Amino acid sequence: MLGNIGIWQLLIILVIVLLLFGTKRLKGLGGDLGGAIKGFKKAMTDEKNPETDEQKRVEEELNAAPSSEPEVTQKTAADAQSDTKQS
């Protein structure tokens, strides 16, 4: 059925669509369609690997949260000697 459509017929259809909708509306439709496809692909990959998203979220929380333990610093021998000379 569609095998009989040639390049000239497709060009005529494209011109008619451009005249009916305009370039701005077609650009918006293309962006919306692209966003929908991107969201669909993301949802499909998220469904395949739900554990990895949870792991990433937990790791981000652990890395972002400040440590509740006080930071322990170690003095070097040179620091200890300079402290004793100052006293």
C-alpha atoms as a PDB file:
ATOM      1  CA  MET A   1       0.000   0.000   0.000  1.00  0.00           C
ATOM      2  CA  LEU A   2       2.699   2.520   0.986  1.00  0.00           C
ATOM      3  CA  GLY A   3       5.198   1.013  -1.427  1.00  0.00           C
ATOM      4  CA  ASN A   4       3.621   2.914  -4.312  1.00  0.00           C
ATOM      5  CA  ILE A   5       4.221   6.370  -2.771  1.00  0.00           C
ATOM      6  CA  GLY A   6       7.137   8.139  -4.417  1.00  0.00           C
ATOM      7  CA  ILE A   7       9.362  10.970  -3.299  1.00  0.00           C
ATOM      8  CA  TRP A   8       7.258  13.602  -5.081  1.00  0.00           C
ATOM      9  CA  GLN A   9       4.089  12.494  -3.307  1.00  0.00           C
ATOM     10  CA  LEU A  10       5.885  12.670   0.042  1.00  0.00           C
ATOM     11  CA  LEU A  11       7.140  16.177  -0.737  1.00  0.00           C
ATOM     12  CA  ILE A  12       3.623  17.332  -1.639  1.00  0.00           C
ATOM     13  CA  ILE A  13       2.276  15.883   1.622  1.00  0.00           C
ATOM     14  CA  LEU A  14       5.074  17.628   3.544  1.00  0.00           C
ATOM     15  CA  VAL A  15       4.225  20.993   1.941  1.00  0.00           C
ATOM     16  CA  ILE A  16       0.540  20.568   2.768  1.00  0.00           C
ATOM     17  CA  VAL A  17       1.345  19.699   6.391  1.00  0.00           C
ATOM     18  CA  LEU A  18       3.631  22.753   6.643  1.00  0.00           C
ATOM     19  CA  LEU A  19       0.900  24.994   5.256  1.00  0.00           C
ATOM     20  CA  LEU A  20      -1.724  23.592   7.632  1.00  0.00           C
ATOM     21  CA  PHE A  21       0.265  23.613  10.872  1.00  0.00           C
ATOM     22  CA  GLY A  22       3.140  26.042  10.355  1.00  0.00           C
ATOM     23  CA  THR A  23       6.773  25.590  11.327  1.00  0.00           C
ATOM     24  CA  LYS A  24       6.401  26.758  14.949  1.00  0.00           C
ATOM     25  CA  ARG A  25       3.694  24.249  15.755  1.00  0.00           C
ATOM     26  CA  LEU A  26       5.570  21.420  14.018  1.00  0.00           C
ATOM     27  CA  LYS A  27       8.732  22.334  15.951  1.00  0.00           C
ATOM     28  CA  GLY A  28       6.769  22.205  19.199  1.00  0.00           C
ATOM     29  CA  LEU A  29       5.199  18.885  18.260  1.00  0.00           C
ATOM     30  CA  GLY A  30       8.620  17.478  17.414  1.00  0.00           C
ATOM     31  CA  GLY A  31      10.016  18.600  20.769  1.00  0.00           C
ATOM     32  CA  ASP A  32       7.067  17.112  22.624  1.00  0.00           C
ATOM     33  CA  LEU A  33       7.405  13.855  20.727  1.00  0.00           C
ATOM     34  CA  GLY A  34      11.137  13.719  21.433  1.00  0.00           C
ATOM     35  CA  GLY A  35      10.553  14.353  25.141  1.00  0.00           C
ATOM     36  CA  ALA A  36       7.909  11.636  25.268  1.00  0.00           C
ATOM     37  CA  ILE A  37      10.236   9.120  23.616  1.00  0.00           C
ATOM     38  CA  LYS A  38      13.071  10.079  25.988  1.00  0.00           C
ATOM     39  CA  GLY A  39      10.781   9.667  29.010  1.00  0.00           C
ATOM     40  CA  PHE A  40       9.557   6.319  27.741  1.00  0.00           C
ATOM     41  CA  LYS A  41      13.104   5.022  27.260  1.00  0.00           C
ATOM     42  CA  LYS A  42      14.096   6.237  30.738  1.00  0.00           C
ATOM     43  CA  ALA A  43      11.075   4.528  32.277  1.00  0.00           C
ATOM     44  CA  MET A  44      11.938   1.284  30.504  1.00  0.00           C
ATOM     45  CA  THR A  45      15.552   1.308  31.741  1.00  0.00           C
ATOM     46  CA  ASP A  46      14.425   2.261  35.267  1.00  0.00           C
ATOM     47  CA  GLU A  47      12.024  -0.662  35.280  1.00  0.00           C
ATOM     48  CA  LYS A  48      14.806  -3.051  34.306  1.00  0.00           C
ATOM     49  CA  ASN A  49      17.181  -1.819  37.053  1.00  0.00           C
ATOM     50  CA  PRO A  50      15.156  -0.554  40.042  1.00  0.00           C
ATOM     51  CA  GLU A  51      17.898  -1.560  42.494  1.00  0.00           C
ATOM     52  CA  THR A  52      20.519   0.650  40.904  1.00  0.00           C
ATOM     53  CA  ASP A  53      18.377   3.792  41.247  1.00  0.00           C
ATOM     54  CA  GLU A  54      17.798   3.064  44.921  1.00  0.00           C
ATOM     55  CA  GLN A  55      21.508   2.421  45.432  1.00  0.00           C
ATOM     56  CA  LYS A  56      22.422   5.694  43.705  1.00  0.00           C
ATOM     57  CA  ARG A  57      19.960   7.617  45.863  1.00  0.00           C
ATOM     58  CA  VAL A  58      21.325   6.110  49.079  1.00  0.00           C
ATOM     59  CA  GLU A  59      24.929   6.756  48.033  1.00  0.00           C
ATOM     60  CA  GLU A  60      24.111  10.385  47.218  1.00  0.00           C
ATOM     61  CA  GLU A  61      22.468  10.827  50.611  1.00  0.00           C
ATOM     62  CA  LEU A  62      25.476   9.323  52.372  1.00  0.00           C
ATOM     63  CA  ASN A  63      27.931  11.478  50.444  1.00  0.00           C
ATOM     64  CA  ALA A  64      25.886  14.652  50.916  1.00  0.00           C
ATOM     65  CA  ALA A  65      25.207  14.191  54.639  1.00  0.00           C
ATOM     66  CA  PRO A  66      27.950  15.564  56.913  1.00  0.00           C
ATOM     67  CA  SER A  67      29.532  13.073  59.249  1.00  0.00           C
ATOM     68  CA  SER A  68      28.159  13.189  62.795  1.00  0.00           C
ATOM     69  CA  GLU A  69      31.471  11.991  64.231  1.00  0.00           C
ATOM     70  CA  PRO A  70      34.082  14.604  65.085  1.00  0.00           C
ATOM     71  CA  GLU A  71      37.006  14.724  62.737  1.00  0.00           C
ATOM     72  CA  VAL A  72      40.132  13.252  64.270  1.00  0.00           C
ATOM     73  CA  THR A  73      43.403  14.840  63.273  1.00  0.00           C
ATOM     74  CA  GLN A  74      46.819  13.428  63.904  1.00  0.00           C
ATOM     75  CA  LYS A  75      49.766  15.615  64.679  1.00  0.00           C
ATOM     76  CA  THR A  76      53.052  14.885  63.088  1.00  0.00           C
ATOM     77  CA  ALA A  77      56.259  14.830  65.070  1.00  0.00           C
ATOM     78  CA  ALA A  78      57.223  18.233  63.646  1.00  0.00           C
ATOM     79  CA  ASP A  79      53.906  19.738  64.777  1.00  0.00           C
ATOM     80  CA  ALA A  80      54.335  18.319  68.268  1.00  0.00           C
ATOM     81  CA  GLN A  81      57.862  19.776  68.543  1.00  0.00           C
ATOM     82  CA  SER A  82      56.708  23.214  67.396  1.00  0.00           C
ATOM     83  CA  ASP A  83      53.915  23.138  70.018  1.00  0.00           C
ATOM     84  CA  THR A  84      56.400  22.342  72.799  1.00  0.00           C
ATOM     85  CA  LYS A  85      58.768  25.140  71.681  1.00  0.00           C
ATOM     86  CA  GLN A  86      55.949  27.691  71.732  1.00  0.00           C
ATOM     87  CA  SER A  87      54.917  26.819  75.333  1.00  0.00           C
END
